[in-house]
C-alpha atoms as a PDB file:
ATOM      1  CA  MET A   1      29.302 -16.806 113.249  1.00  0.00           C
ATOM      2  CA  GLU A   2      31.973 -14.129 113.091  1.00  0.00           C
ATOM      3  CA  TYR A   3      35.420 -14.466 114.649  1.00  0.00           C
ATOM      4  CA  VAL A   4      38.067 -12.096 115.965  1.00  0.00           C
ATOM      5  CA  LYS A   5      41.616 -12.439 117.274  1.00  0.00           C
ATOM      6  CA  LEU A   6      42.297 -11.876 120.958  1.00  0.00           C
ATOM      7  CA  GLY A   7      44.688  -8.994 121.549  1.00  0.00           C
ATOM      8  CA  GLN A   8      47.933  -9.459 119.665  1.00  0.00           C
ATOM      9  CA  THR A   9      47.693 -13.261 119.644  1.00  0.00           C
ATOM     10  CA  ASP A  10      46.756 -15.779 116.964  1.00  0.00           C
ATOM     11  CA  ILE A  11      43.861 -17.040 119.099  1.00  0.00           C
ATOM     12  CA  ASN A  12      40.677 -16.818 117.019  1.00  0.00           C
ATOM     13  CA  VAL A  13      37.441 -16.594 119.013  1.00  0.00           C
ATOM     14  CA  SER A  14      33.769 -16.306 118.192  1.00  0.00           C
ATOM     15  CA  LYS A  15      32.262 -12.871 118.767  1.00  0.00           C
ATOM     16  CA  VAL A  16      30.021 -14.460 121.395  1.00  0.00           C
ATOM     17  CA  CYS A  17      31.600 -16.073 124.463  1.00  0.00           C
ATOM     18  CA  VAL A  18      29.668 -18.534 126.644  1.00  0.00           C
ATOM     19  CA  GLY A  19      29.802 -17.540 130.303  1.00  0.00           C
ATOM     20  CA  CYS A  20      30.108 -20.702 132.359  1.00  0.00           C
ATOM     21  CA  MET A  21      29.079 -19.297 135.728  1.00  0.00           C
ATOM     22  CA  SER A  22      25.728 -20.778 134.655  1.00  0.00           C
ATOM     23  CA  PHE A  23      27.236 -24.285 134.910  1.00  0.00           C
ATOM     24  CA  GLY A  24      27.898 -26.222 138.108  1.00  0.00           C
ATOM     25  CA  LYS A  25      26.335 -27.908 141.091  1.00  0.00           C
ATOM     26  CA  ALA A  26      23.355 -25.826 142.252  1.00  0.00           C
ATOM     27  CA  GLY A  27      23.627 -24.439 145.763  1.00  0.00           C
ATOM     28  CA  THR A  28      27.424 -24.358 145.860  1.00  0.00           C
ATOM     29  CA  MET A  29      27.439 -20.752 144.578  1.00  0.00           C
ATOM     30  CA  HIS A  30      24.073 -19.972 142.985  1.00  0.00           C
ATOM     31  CA  ASP A  31      20.739 -21.781 143.097  1.00  0.00           C
ATOM     32  CA  TRP A  32      20.116 -21.532 139.345  1.00  0.00           C
ATOM     33  CA  THR A  33      23.163 -23.253 137.845  1.00  0.00           C
ATOM     34  CA  LEU A  34      22.851 -26.167 135.396  1.00  0.00           C
ATOM     35  CA  ASP A  35      23.723 -29.772 136.219  1.00  0.00           C
ATOM     36  CA  GLU A  36      26.123 -31.851 134.133  1.00  0.00           C
ATOM     37  CA  HIS A  37      23.491 -33.052 131.658  1.00  0.00           C
ATOM     38  CA  GLU A  38      21.967 -29.605 131.080  1.00  0.00           C
ATOM     39  CA  THR A  39      25.440 -28.080 130.802  1.00  0.00           C
ATOM     40  CA  GLU A  40      26.278 -30.447 127.965  1.00  0.00           C
ATOM     41  CA  LYS A  41      23.077 -29.530 126.111  1.00  0.00           C
ATOM     42  CA  VAL A  42      23.974 -25.822 126.222  1.00  0.00           C
ATOM     43  CA  VAL A  43      27.585 -26.521 125.214  1.00  0.00           C
ATOM     44  CA  GLN A  44      26.469 -28.709 122.302  1.00  0.00           C
ATOM     45  CA  HIS A  45      24.144 -25.992 121.045  1.00  0.00           C
ATOM     46  CA  ALA A  46      26.874 -23.354 121.360  1.00  0.00           C
ATOM     47  CA  LEU A  47      29.188 -25.482 119.239  1.00  0.00           C
ATOM     48  CA  GLU A  48      26.453 -26.005 116.634  1.00  0.00           C
ATOM     49  CA  LEU A  49      26.131 -22.218 116.373  1.00  0.00           C
ATOM     50  CA  GLY A  50      29.854 -21.851 115.748  1.00  0.00           C
ATOM     51  CA  ILE A  51      30.676 -20.519 119.216  1.00  0.00           C
ATOM     52  CA  ASN A  52      34.160 -21.681 120.208  1.00  0.00           C
ATOM     53  CA  PHE A  53      34.876 -19.460 123.250  1.00  0.00           C
ATOM     54  CA  PHE A  54      34.044 -20.528 126.825  1.00  0.00           C
ATOM     55  CA  ASP A  55      34.816 -18.589 130.009  1.00  0.00           C
ATOM     56  CA  THR A  56      34.847 -20.211 133.454  1.00  0.00           C
ATOM     57  CA  ALA A  57      36.739 -19.799 136.748  1.00  0.00           C
ATOM     58  CA  ASN A  58      38.295 -21.906 139.464  1.00  0.00           C
ATOM     59  CA  GLY A  59      35.787 -20.629 142.022  1.00  0.00           C
ATOM     60  CA  TYR A  60      32.573 -21.078 140.064  1.00  0.00           C
ATOM     61  CA  SER A  61      30.381 -23.537 141.980  1.00  0.00           C
ATOM     62  CA  LEU A  62      33.364 -24.981 143.893  1.00  0.00           C
ATOM     63  CA  GLY A  63      35.115 -26.031 140.691  1.00  0.00           C
ATOM     64  CA  THR A  64      32.159 -27.953 139.257  1.00  0.00           C
ATOM     65  CA  SER A  65      31.723 -25.368 136.481  1.00  0.00           C
ATOM     66  CA  GLU A  66      35.174 -26.315 135.171  1.00  0.00           C
ATOM     67  CA  GLU A  67      34.414 -30.014 135.609  1.00  0.00           C
ATOM     68  CA  TYR A  68      31.090 -29.907 133.746  1.00  0.00           C
ATOM     69  CA  LEU A  69      32.507 -27.732 130.960  1.00  0.00           C
ATOM     70  CA  GLY A  70      35.553 -29.951 130.515  1.00  0.00           C
ATOM     71  CA  LYS A  71      33.472 -33.118 130.234  1.00  0.00           C
ATOM     72  CA  ALA A  72      31.003 -31.538 127.807  1.00  0.00           C
ATOM     73  CA  LEU A  73      33.742 -30.260 125.509  1.00  0.00           C
ATOM     74  CA  LYS A  74      35.707 -33.512 125.585  1.00  0.00           C
ATOM     75  CA  LYS A  75      32.637 -35.473 124.441  1.00  0.00           C
ATOM     76  CA  ASN A  76      31.716 -33.093 121.620  1.00  0.00           C
ATOM     77  CA  ILE A  77      34.730 -31.427 119.980  1.00  0.00           C
ATOM     78  CA  PRO A  78      38.522 -31.800 119.557  1.00  0.00           C
ATOM     79  CA  ARG A  79      40.445 -29.732 122.114  1.00  0.00           C
ATOM     80  CA  ASP A  80      42.236 -27.593 119.527  1.00  0.00           C
ATOM     81  CA  GLN A  81      38.945 -26.363 118.080  1.00  0.00           C
ATOM     82  CA  VAL A  82      37.804 -24.537 121.219  1.00  0.00           C
ATOM     83  CA  VAL A  83      39.173 -21.652 123.282  1.00  0.00           C
ATOM     84  CA  ILE A  84      38.892 -22.122 127.042  1.00  0.00           C
ATOM     85  CA  ALA A  85      39.407 -19.291 129.514  1.00  0.00           C
ATOM     86  CA  SER A  86      39.522 -19.680 133.281  1.00  0.00           C
ATOM     87  CA  LYS A  87      40.426 -17.430 136.183  1.00  0.00           C
ATOM     88  CA  VAL A  88      42.424 -17.217 139.408  1.00  0.00           C
ATOM     89  CA  TYR A  89      42.127 -14.957 142.500  1.00  0.00           C
ATOM     90  CA  PHE A  90      39.226 -16.110 144.683  1.00  0.00           C
ATOM     91  CA  ASN A  91      41.402 -18.757 146.296  1.00  0.00           C
ATOM     92  CA  GLU A  92      43.869 -19.129 149.121  1.00  0.00           C
ATOM     93  CA  GLY A  93      46.924 -16.985 148.441  1.00  0.00           C
ATOM     94  CA  ARG A  94      45.146 -14.889 145.790  1.00  0.00           C
ATOM     95  CA  LEU A  95      47.711 -14.071 143.069  1.00  0.00           C
ATOM     96  CA  SER A  96      50.888 -15.157 144.823  1.00  0.00           C
ATOM     97  CA  LYS A  97      53.228 -17.333 142.789  1.00  0.00           C
ATOM     98  CA  LYS A  98      52.497 -20.300 145.043  1.00  0.00           C
ATOM     99  CA  ALA A  99      48.745 -19.855 144.585  1.00  0.00           C
ATOM    100  CA  ILE A 100      48.919 -19.389 140.817  1.00  0.00           C
ATOM    101  CA  MET A 101      51.060 -22.512 140.361  1.00  0.00           C
ATOM    102  CA  ARG A 102      48.689 -24.536 142.539  1.00  0.00           C
ATOM    103  CA  GLU A 103      45.470 -23.210 141.031  1.00  0.00           C
ATOM    104  CA  ILE A 104      46.432 -23.660 137.381  1.00  0.00           C
ATOM    105  CA  ASP A 105      47.070 -27.355 138.003  1.00  0.00           C
ATOM    106  CA  GLY A 106      43.686 -27.718 139.698  1.00  0.00           C
ATOM    107  CA  THR A 107      41.955 -25.909 136.853  1.00  0.00           C
ATOM    108  CA  LEU A 108      43.629 -28.055 134.188  1.00  0.00           C
ATOM    109  CA  GLN A 109      42.755 -31.220 136.063  1.00  0.00           C
ATOM    110  CA  ARG A 110      39.092 -30.257 136.440  1.00  0.00           C
ATOM    111  CA  LEU A 111      38.844 -29.246 132.791  1.00  0.00           C
ATOM    112  CA  GLY A 112      40.603 -32.434 131.680  1.00  0.00           C
ATOM    113  CA  THR A 113      43.139 -30.603 129.514  1.00  0.00           C
ATOM    114  CA  ASP A 114      46.891 -30.015 129.645  1.00  0.00           C
ATOM    115  CA  TYR A 115      46.731 -26.355 128.645  1.00  0.00           C
ATOM    116  CA  LEU A 116      44.507 -23.297 128.930  1.00  0.00           C
ATOM    117  CA  ASP A 117      44.047 -20.879 126.049  1.00  0.00           C
ATOM    118  CA  LEU A 118      43.489 -17.870 128.281  1.00  0.00           C
ATOM    119  CA  TYR A 119      44.253 -17.481 132.005  1.00  0.00           C
ATOM    120  CA  ILE A 120      42.663 -14.431 133.619  1.00  0.00           C
ATOM    121  CA  ILE A 121      43.341 -12.821 136.985  1.00  0.00           C
ATOM    122  CA  HIS A 122      39.863 -12.411 138.446  1.00  0.00           C
ATOM    123  CA  ARG A 123      40.595  -9.220 140.420  1.00  0.00           C
ATOM    124  CA  PHE A 124      43.563  -7.099 141.511  1.00  0.00           C
ATOM    125  CA  ASP A 125      45.468  -8.515 144.499  1.00  0.00           C
ATOM    126  CA  TYR A 126      46.364  -5.858 147.071  1.00  0.00           C
ATOM    127  CA  GLU A 127      48.637  -8.189 149.026  1.00  0.00           C
ATOM    128  CA  THR A 128      50.944  -9.655 146.367  1.00  0.00           C
ATOM    129  CA  PRO A 129      53.582  -7.560 144.563  1.00  0.00           C
ATOM    130  CA  ILE A 130      52.569  -7.209 140.925  1.00  0.00           C
ATOM    131  CA  GLU A 131      56.062  -8.319 139.872  1.00  0.00           C
ATOM    132  CA  GLU A 132      55.484 -11.660 141.590  1.00  0.00           C
ATOM    133  CA  THR A 133      52.125 -12.135 139.877  1.00  0.00           C
ATOM    134  CA  MET A 134      53.299 -11.162 136.400  1.00  0.00           C
ATOM    135  CA  GLU A 135      56.425 -13.309 136.625  1.00  0.00           C
ATOM    136  CA  ALA A 136      54.362 -16.323 137.694  1.00  0.00           C
ATOM    137  CA  LEU A 137      51.915 -15.826 134.828  1.00  0.00           C
ATOM    138  CA  ASN A 138      54.824 -15.513 132.406  1.00  0.00           C
ATOM    139  CA  GLU A 139      56.237 -18.808 133.680  1.00  0.00           C
ATOM    140  CA  LEU A 140      52.941 -20.509 132.852  1.00  0.00           C
ATOM    141  CA  VAL A 141      53.128 -19.188 129.302  1.00  0.00           C
ATOM    142  CA  GLN A 142      56.746 -20.297 128.969  1.00  0.00           C
ATOM    143  CA  ALA A 143      55.846 -23.750 130.305  1.00  0.00           C
ATOM    144  CA  GLY A 144      53.055 -24.167 127.749  1.00  0.00           C
ATOM    145  CA  LYS A 145      50.328 -24.457 130.373  1.00  0.00           C
ATOM    146  CA  VAL A 146      48.767 -21.187 129.210  1.00  0.00           C
ATOM    147  CA  ARG A 147      48.680 -19.675 125.712  1.00  0.00           C
ATOM    148  CA  ALA A 148      47.788 -16.115 126.749  1.00  0.00           C
ATOM    149  CA  ILE A 149      46.874 -14.132 129.856  1.00  0.00           C
ATOM    150  CA  GLY A 150      44.135 -11.657 130.655  1.00  0.00           C
ATOM    151  CA  ALA A 151      42.813  -9.511 133.473  1.00  0.00           C
ATOM    152  CA  SER A 152      39.375  -8.808 134.874  1.00  0.00           C
ATOM    153  CA  ALA A 153      37.643  -5.932 136.664  1.00  0.00           C
ATOM    154  CA  MET A 154      40.140  -3.482 138.198  1.00  0.00           C
ATOM    155  CA  TYR A 155      41.060   0.189 138.123  1.00  0.00           C
ATOM    156  CA  GLY A 156      42.765   1.573 135.041  1.00  0.00           C
ATOM    157  CA  TYR A 157      45.971   2.521 136.843  1.00  0.00           C
ATOM    158  CA  GLN A 158      46.309  -1.009 138.245  1.00  0.00           C
ATOM    159  CA  PHE A 159      45.974  -2.599 134.825  1.00  0.00           C
ATOM    160  CA  TYR A 160      48.413  -0.091 133.336  1.00  0.00           C
ATOM    161  CA  ASN A 161      50.994  -0.711 136.048  1.00  0.00           C
ATOM    162  CA  MET A 162      50.803  -4.482 135.604  1.00  0.00           C
ATOM    163  CA  GLN A 163      51.231  -4.137 131.850  1.00  0.00           C
ATOM    164  CA  LEU A 164      54.272  -1.891 132.318  1.00  0.00           C
ATOM    165  CA  VAL A 165      55.917  -4.343 134.731  1.00  0.00           C
ATOM    166  CA  ALA A 166      55.431  -7.146 132.214  1.00  0.00           C
ATOM    167  CA  ARG A 167      56.721  -5.038 129.343  1.00  0.00           C
ATOM    168  CA  ASP A 168      59.781  -3.819 131.263  1.00  0.00           C
ATOM    169  CA  HIS A 169      60.765  -7.386 132.182  1.00  0.00           C
ATOM    170  CA  GLY A 170      60.002  -8.888 128.776  1.00  0.00           C
ATOM    171  CA  TRP A 171      57.209 -11.001 130.247  1.00  0.00           C
ATOM    172  CA  ALA A 172      53.866 -11.961 128.739  1.00  0.00           C
ATOM    173  CA  GLN A 173      51.395  -9.062 128.780  1.00  0.00           C
ATOM    174  CA  PHE A 174      47.635  -9.156 129.176  1.00  0.00           C
ATOM    175  CA  GLN A 175      45.799  -9.663 125.895  1.00  0.00           C
ATOM    176  CA  THR A 176      42.225  -9.383 127.167  1.00  0.00           C
ATOM    177  CA  MET A 177      40.149  -7.454 129.687  1.00  0.00           C
ATOM    178  CA  GLU A 178      37.037  -9.046 131.194  1.00  0.00           C
ATOM    179  CA  ASN A 179      35.340  -6.074 132.794  1.00  0.00           C
ATOM    180  CA  HIS A 180      31.836  -5.032 133.816  1.00  0.00           C
ATOM    181  CA  TYR A 181      30.418  -3.176 130.819  1.00  0.00           C
ATOM    182  CA  ASN A 182      26.927  -2.716 129.451  1.00  0.00           C
ATOM    183  CA  LEU A 183      24.406   0.029 128.681  1.00  0.00           C
ATOM    184  CA  LEU A 184      23.560   0.314 132.393  1.00  0.00           C
ATOM    185  CA  TYR A 185      27.184   0.388 133.595  1.00  0.00           C
ATOM    186  CA  ARG A 186      29.751   2.379 131.623  1.00  0.00           C
ATOM    187  CA  GLU A 187      32.178   3.630 134.267  1.00  0.00           C
ATOM    188  CA  ASP A 188      35.167   1.963 132.586  1.00  0.00           C
ATOM    189  CA  GLU A 189      34.788   4.276 129.596  1.00  0.00           C
ATOM    190  CA  ARG A 190      36.646   6.885 131.658  1.00  0.00           C
ATOM    191  CA  GLU A 191      40.033   5.163 131.909  1.00  0.00           C
ATOM    192  CA  LEU A 192      40.203   1.376 131.729  1.00  0.00           C
ATOM    193  CA  ILE A 193      38.721   0.937 128.264  1.00  0.00           C
ATOM    194  CA  PRO A 194      40.835   3.697 126.643  1.00  0.00           C
ATOM    195  CA  ILE A 195      43.945   2.095 128.179  1.00  0.00           C
ATOM    196  CA  CYS A 196      42.927  -1.298 126.773  1.00  0.00           C
ATOM    197  CA  LYS A 197      42.397   0.155 123.304  1.00  0.00           C
ATOM    198  CA  GLN A 198      45.728   1.979 123.479  1.00  0.00           C
ATOM    199  CA  MET A 199      47.457  -1.303 124.357  1.00  0.00           C
ATOM    200  CA  HIS A 200      45.546  -3.384 121.756  1.00  0.00           C
ATOM    201  CA  VAL A 201      43.881  -5.420 124.501  1.00  0.00           C
ATOM    202  CA  SER A 202      40.605  -7.134 123.522  1.00  0.00           C
ATOM    203  CA  LEU A 203      37.471  -6.422 125.537  1.00  0.00           C
ATOM    204  CA  MET A 204      35.387  -9.419 126.628  1.00  0.00           C
ATOM    205  CA  PRO A 205      32.928  -7.878 129.105  1.00  0.00           C
ATOM    206  CA  TYR A 206      30.853  -9.816 131.588  1.00  0.00           C
ATOM    207  CA  SER A 207      27.193  -8.933 132.261  1.00  0.00           C
ATOM    208  CA  PRO A 208      26.599  -7.461 128.778  1.00  0.00           C
ATOM    209  CA  LEU A 209      22.853  -7.852 129.412  1.00  0.00           C
ATOM    210  CA  ALA A 210      23.014  -6.447 132.961  1.00  0.00           C
ATOM    211  CA  ALA A 211      21.817  -9.704 134.535  1.00  0.00           C
ATOM    212  CA  GLY A 212      18.715  -9.713 132.335  1.00  0.00           C
ATOM    213  CA  HIS A 213      17.669  -6.099 132.869  1.00  0.00           C
ATOM    214  CA  LEU A 214      18.401  -5.331 129.213  1.00  0.00           C
ATOM    215  CA  THR A 215      16.274  -8.253 127.991  1.00  0.00           C
ATOM    216  CA  ARG A 216      12.806  -7.206 129.208  1.00  0.00           C
ATOM    217  CA  PRO A 217      10.794  -3.968 129.512  1.00  0.00           C
ATOM    218  CA  GLU A 218      10.122  -4.446 133.237  1.00  0.00           C
ATOM    219  CA  TRP A 219      12.798  -4.440 135.960  1.00  0.00           C
ATOM    220  CA  GLU A 220      11.925  -7.609 137.854  1.00  0.00           C
ATOM    221  CA  GLY A 221      12.532 -10.998 136.252  1.00  0.00           C
ATOM    222  CA  GLN A 222      10.367 -14.080 136.738  1.00  0.00           C
ATOM    223  CA  THR A 223      13.031 -16.762 136.293  1.00  0.00           C
ATOM    224  CA  LEU A 224      14.675 -18.613 139.178  1.00  0.00           C
ATOM    225  CA  ARG A 225      17.793 -16.536 138.607  1.00  0.00           C
ATOM    226  CA  GLY A 226      15.783 -13.315 138.519  1.00  0.00           C
ATOM    227  CA  ARG A 227      14.199 -14.158 141.870  1.00  0.00           C
ATOM    228  CA  THR A 228      17.308 -15.434 143.657  1.00  0.00           C
ATOM    229  CA  ASP A 229      20.421 -13.768 142.164  1.00  0.00           C
ATOM    230  CA  ARG A 230      21.453 -11.561 145.082  1.00  0.00           C
ATOM    231  CA  VAL A 231      24.636 -10.525 143.286  1.00  0.00           C
ATOM    232  CA  ALA A 232      22.648  -9.082 140.388  1.00  0.00           C
ATOM    233  CA  MET A 233      20.348  -7.293 142.828  1.00  0.00           C
ATOM    234  CA  GLY A 234      23.347  -5.781 144.590  1.00  0.00           C
ATOM    235  CA  LYS A 235      24.880  -4.659 141.309  1.00  0.00           C
ATOM    236  CA  TYR A 236      21.861  -3.012 139.733  1.00  0.00           C
ATOM    237  CA  ASP A 237      18.926  -2.323 142.056  1.00  0.00           C
ATOM    238  CA  ASP A 238      20.398   0.878 143.513  1.00  0.00           C
ATOM    239  CA  SER A 239      20.186   2.544 140.092  1.00  0.00           C
ATOM    240  CA  GLN A 240      16.827   1.155 139.039  1.00  0.00           C
ATOM    241  CA  VAL A 241      14.932   4.453 138.720  1.00  0.00           C
ATOM    242  CA  ASN A 242      17.334   6.113 136.296  1.00  0.00           C
ATOM    243  CA  ASP A 243      18.392   2.926 134.524  1.00  0.00           C
ATOM    244  CA  MET A 244      14.792   2.163 133.564  1.00  0.00           C
ATOM    245  CA  LYS A 245      15.026   5.152 131.209  1.00  0.00           C
ATOM    246  CA  ILE A 246      17.741   3.270 129.304  1.00  0.00           C
ATOM    247  CA  VAL A 247      15.823  -0.016 129.445  1.00  0.00           C
ATOM    248  CA  GLU A 248      12.819   1.746 127.902  1.00  0.00           C
ATOM    249  CA  ARG A 249      14.959   3.030 125.038  1.00  0.00           C
ATOM    250  CA  VAL A 250      16.378  -0.440 124.409  1.00  0.00           C
ATOM    251  CA  HIS A 251      12.797  -1.724 124.261  1.00  0.00           C
ATOM    252  CA  GLU A 252      11.808   1.077 121.896  1.00  0.00           C
ATOM    253  CA  LEU A 253      14.670   0.330 119.476  1.00  0.00           C
ATOM    254  CA  ALA A 254      13.978  -3.407 119.661  1.00  0.00           C
ATOM    255  CA  GLN A 255      10.419  -2.724 118.507  1.00  0.00           C
ATOM    256  CA  LYS A 256      11.670  -0.367 115.789  1.00  0.00           C
ATOM    257  CA  TYR A 257      13.991  -3.026 114.329  1.00  0.00           C
ATOM    258  CA  ASN A 258      11.693  -5.976 115.151  1.00  0.00           C
ATOM    259  CA  VAL A 259      14.356  -7.742 117.202  1.00  0.00           C
ATOM    260  CA  LYS A 260      14.720  -8.713 120.855  1.00  0.00           C
ATOM    261  CA  MET A 261      16.000  -6.295 123.468  1.00  0.00           C
ATOM    262  CA  GLN A 262      19.058  -8.433 124.170  1.00  0.00           C
ATOM    263  CA  GLN A 263      20.019  -8.127 120.520  1.00  0.00           C
ATOM    264  CA  ILE A 264      20.014  -4.343 120.750  1.00  0.00           C
ATOM    265  CA  ALA A 265      22.133  -4.512 123.913  1.00  0.00           C
ATOM    266  CA  LEU A 266      24.682  -6.853 122.316  1.00  0.00           C
ATOM    267  CA  ALA A 267      24.779  -4.896 119.055  1.00  0.00           C
ATOM    268  CA  TRP A 268      25.692  -1.847 121.142  1.00  0.00           C
ATOM    269  CA  GLU A 269      28.618  -3.782 122.680  1.00  0.00           C
ATOM    270  CA  TRP A 270      30.097  -4.658 119.281  1.00  0.00           C
ATOM    271  CA  ALA A 271      29.528  -1.095 118.074  1.00  0.00           C
ATOM    272  CA  LYS A 272      31.634   0.093 121.023  1.00  0.00           C
ATOM    273  CA  GLY A 273      34.584  -2.057 119.963  1.00  0.00           C
ATOM    274  CA  VAL A 274      33.977  -5.100 122.161  1.00  0.00           C
ATOM    275  CA  ALA A 275      35.548  -8.297 120.803  1.00  0.00           C
ATOM    276  CA  SER A 276      33.423 -10.970 122.475  1.00  0.00           C
ATOM    277  CA  PRO A 277      30.809 -10.234 125.164  1.00  0.00           C
ATOM    278  CA  ILE A 278      30.297 -13.041 127.668  1.00  0.00           C
ATOM    279  CA  VAL A 279      26.742 -14.360 127.553  1.00  0.00           C
ATOM    280  CA  GLY A 280      25.632 -16.593 130.402  1.00  0.00           C
ATOM    281  CA  ALA A 281      22.936 -18.995 129.241  1.00  0.00           C
ATOM    282  CA  THR A 282      20.730 -21.263 131.330  1.00  0.00           C
ATOM    283  CA  LYS A 283      18.763 -22.198 128.208  1.00  0.00           C
ATOM    284  CA  ALA A 284      20.221 -23.076 124.798  1.00  0.00           C
ATOM    285  CA  ARG A 285      17.848 -20.715 122.979  1.00  0.00           C
ATOM    286  CA  TYR A 286      19.424 -17.714 124.730  1.00  0.00           C
ATOM    287  CA  LEU A 287      22.518 -18.372 122.631  1.00  0.00           C
ATOM    288  CA  ASP A 288      20.438 -18.209 119.445  1.00  0.00           C
ATOM    289  CA  ASP A 289      19.340 -14.713 120.446  1.00  0.00           C
ATOM    290  CA  ALA A 290      22.958 -13.692 121.054  1.00  0.00           C
ATOM    291  CA  VAL A 291      24.236 -15.043 117.748  1.00  0.00           C
ATOM    292  CA  TYR A 292      21.398 -13.486 115.727  1.00  0.00           C
ATOM    293  CA  ALA A 293      22.329 -10.149 117.304  1.00  0.00           C
ATOM    294  CA  LEU A 294      25.353 -10.108 114.972  1.00  0.00           C
ATOM    295  CA  ASP A 295      22.906  -9.171 112.203  1.00  0.00           C
ATOM    296  CA  VAL A 296      21.760  -6.043 114.086  1.00  0.00           C
ATOM    297  CA  HIS A 297      23.644  -2.880 113.155  1.00  0.00           C
ATOM    298  CA  LEU A 298      22.914   0.291 115.101  1.00  0.00           C
ATOM    299  CA  THR A 299      23.320   3.734 113.584  1.00  0.00           C
ATOM    300  CA  PRO A 300      25.346   6.458 115.350  1.00  0.00           C
ATOM    301  CA  GLU A 301      22.007   8.094 116.151  1.00  0.00           C
ATOM    302  CA  ASP A 302      20.739   4.865 117.755  1.00  0.00           C
ATOM    303  CA  ILE A 303      23.861   4.626 119.894  1.00  0.00           C
ATOM    304  CA  ALA A 304      23.594   8.245 121.028  1.00  0.00           C
ATOM    305  CA  TYR A 305      19.908   7.727 121.864  1.00  0.00           C
ATOM    306  CA  LEU A 306      20.669   4.650 123.984  1.00  0.00           C
ATOM    307  CA  GLU A 307      23.508   6.350 125.835  1.00  0.00           C
ATOM    308  CA  GLU A 308      21.969   9.773 126.476  1.00  0.00           C
ATOM    309  CA  PRO A 309      20.120   9.015 129.784  1.00  0.00           C
ATOM    310  CA  TYR A 310      23.217   7.507 131.463  1.00  0.00           C
ATOM    311  CA  VAL A 311      24.388   9.044 134.744  1.00  0.00           C
ATOM    312  CA  PRO A 312      27.516   8.147 136.764  1.00  0.00           C
ATOM    313  CA  HIS A 313      27.244   4.970 138.850  1.00  0.00           C
ATOM    314  CA  ARG A 314      29.053   3.711 141.900  1.00  0.00           C
ATOM    315  CA  ILE A 315      31.929   1.394 141.038  1.00  0.00           C
ATOM    316  CA  VAL A 316      30.805  -2.225 140.635  1.00  0.00           C
ATOM    317  CA  GLY A 317      33.480  -4.697 139.600  1.00  0.00           C
ATOM    318  CA  ALA A 318      36.813  -3.183 140.581  1.00  0.00           C
ATOM    319  CA  ILE A 319      37.518  -3.552 144.304  1.00  0.00           C
ATOM    320  CA  ASP A 320      39.512  -1.288 146.652  1.00  0.00           C
ATOM    321  CA  HIS A 321      40.711  -4.068 148.963  1.00  0.00           C
ATOM    322  CA  ASN A 322      40.914  -7.853 149.046  1.00  0.00           C
ATOM    323  CA  PRO A 323      37.693  -9.345 150.443  1.00  0.00           C
ATOM    324  CA  PRO A 324      37.920 -11.807 153.336  1.00  0.00           C
ATOM    325  CA  GLN A 325      39.199 -15.245 152.346  1.00  0.00           C
ATOM    326  CA  GLY A 326      36.374 -17.424 151.096  1.00  0.00           C
ATOM    327  CA  VAL A 327      34.242 -14.562 149.770  1.00  0.00           C
ATOM    328  CA  LEU A 328      33.345 -15.014 146.103  1.00  0.00           C
ATOM    329  CA  LEU A 329      30.004 -13.282 145.644  1.00  0.00           C
ATOM    330  CA  LEU A 330      30.889  -9.580 145.520  1.00  0.00           C
ATOM    331  CA  ASP A 331      28.286  -6.790 145.616  1.00  0.00           C
ATOM    332  CA  LYS A 332      25.723  -9.156 147.098  1.00  0.00           C
ATOM    333  CA  LYS A 333      22.501  -7.525 148.278  1.00  0.00           C
END
């Protein structure tokens, strides 16, 4: 395993992050999530591989993702040897100070820990002044409940403005960006990613494998998730015709290097400066594939070949208004 520091912190994370949306009580958010026993098996295997970075959220499967992750970690590794990230936004009050203070306590209780390594705002809140949000997050850092803060999918100008408010007040600034970024979706290369690099903010993208589309030569998947994940369908199906050109090139390079397609897709992420892509795994062996991808090194010609068919996509990730209260599954088909 290889490790990298998050932003300008001393937090050392594996270059593969386990996405914990795969954990939780099935039917509370998705039909394909893992129960407590299966969650522990995946977590144990991740730890055996040297993965120390886990990303969850308060809203994943009504909080059971945090619960299952917390129990699995507590039974298998000392707290100070893992890095736990969770998120806030899809909750009553969004990113108001009152909501943040309430939600962090709920998250810590479900995880069974007294601090979080990384606390991420899940989206941009159009109803709360950014000064209120950034001050509240800073208070959590000062109180020792949170070691560092991060942001997730939003527009570049929003992220920049929040960083400036924090800087101007001497508050904690975002150290990570969890955005939507993969070979099939590269819209953030226009503004958000350059801003992050300028500000020394680490990239930890979600959906690095485009919900499985970058792991197989055909578009449709045969797994339970592939058949039932309406969010993935909403995110990617509109662009299927053109995006299959990229999928075919990933498959071609995978054959050339005698590796799996997902390893080409992840190698591309690291080549683009990503710190730790978030890999959601419903089977322990998927993590093996991700870790072995660290041995795949693409040439500049490979990267250009993979990127050449890309065309602009509609925005998927950043939102232009707060969704109705209670909505968690964005871009659902």
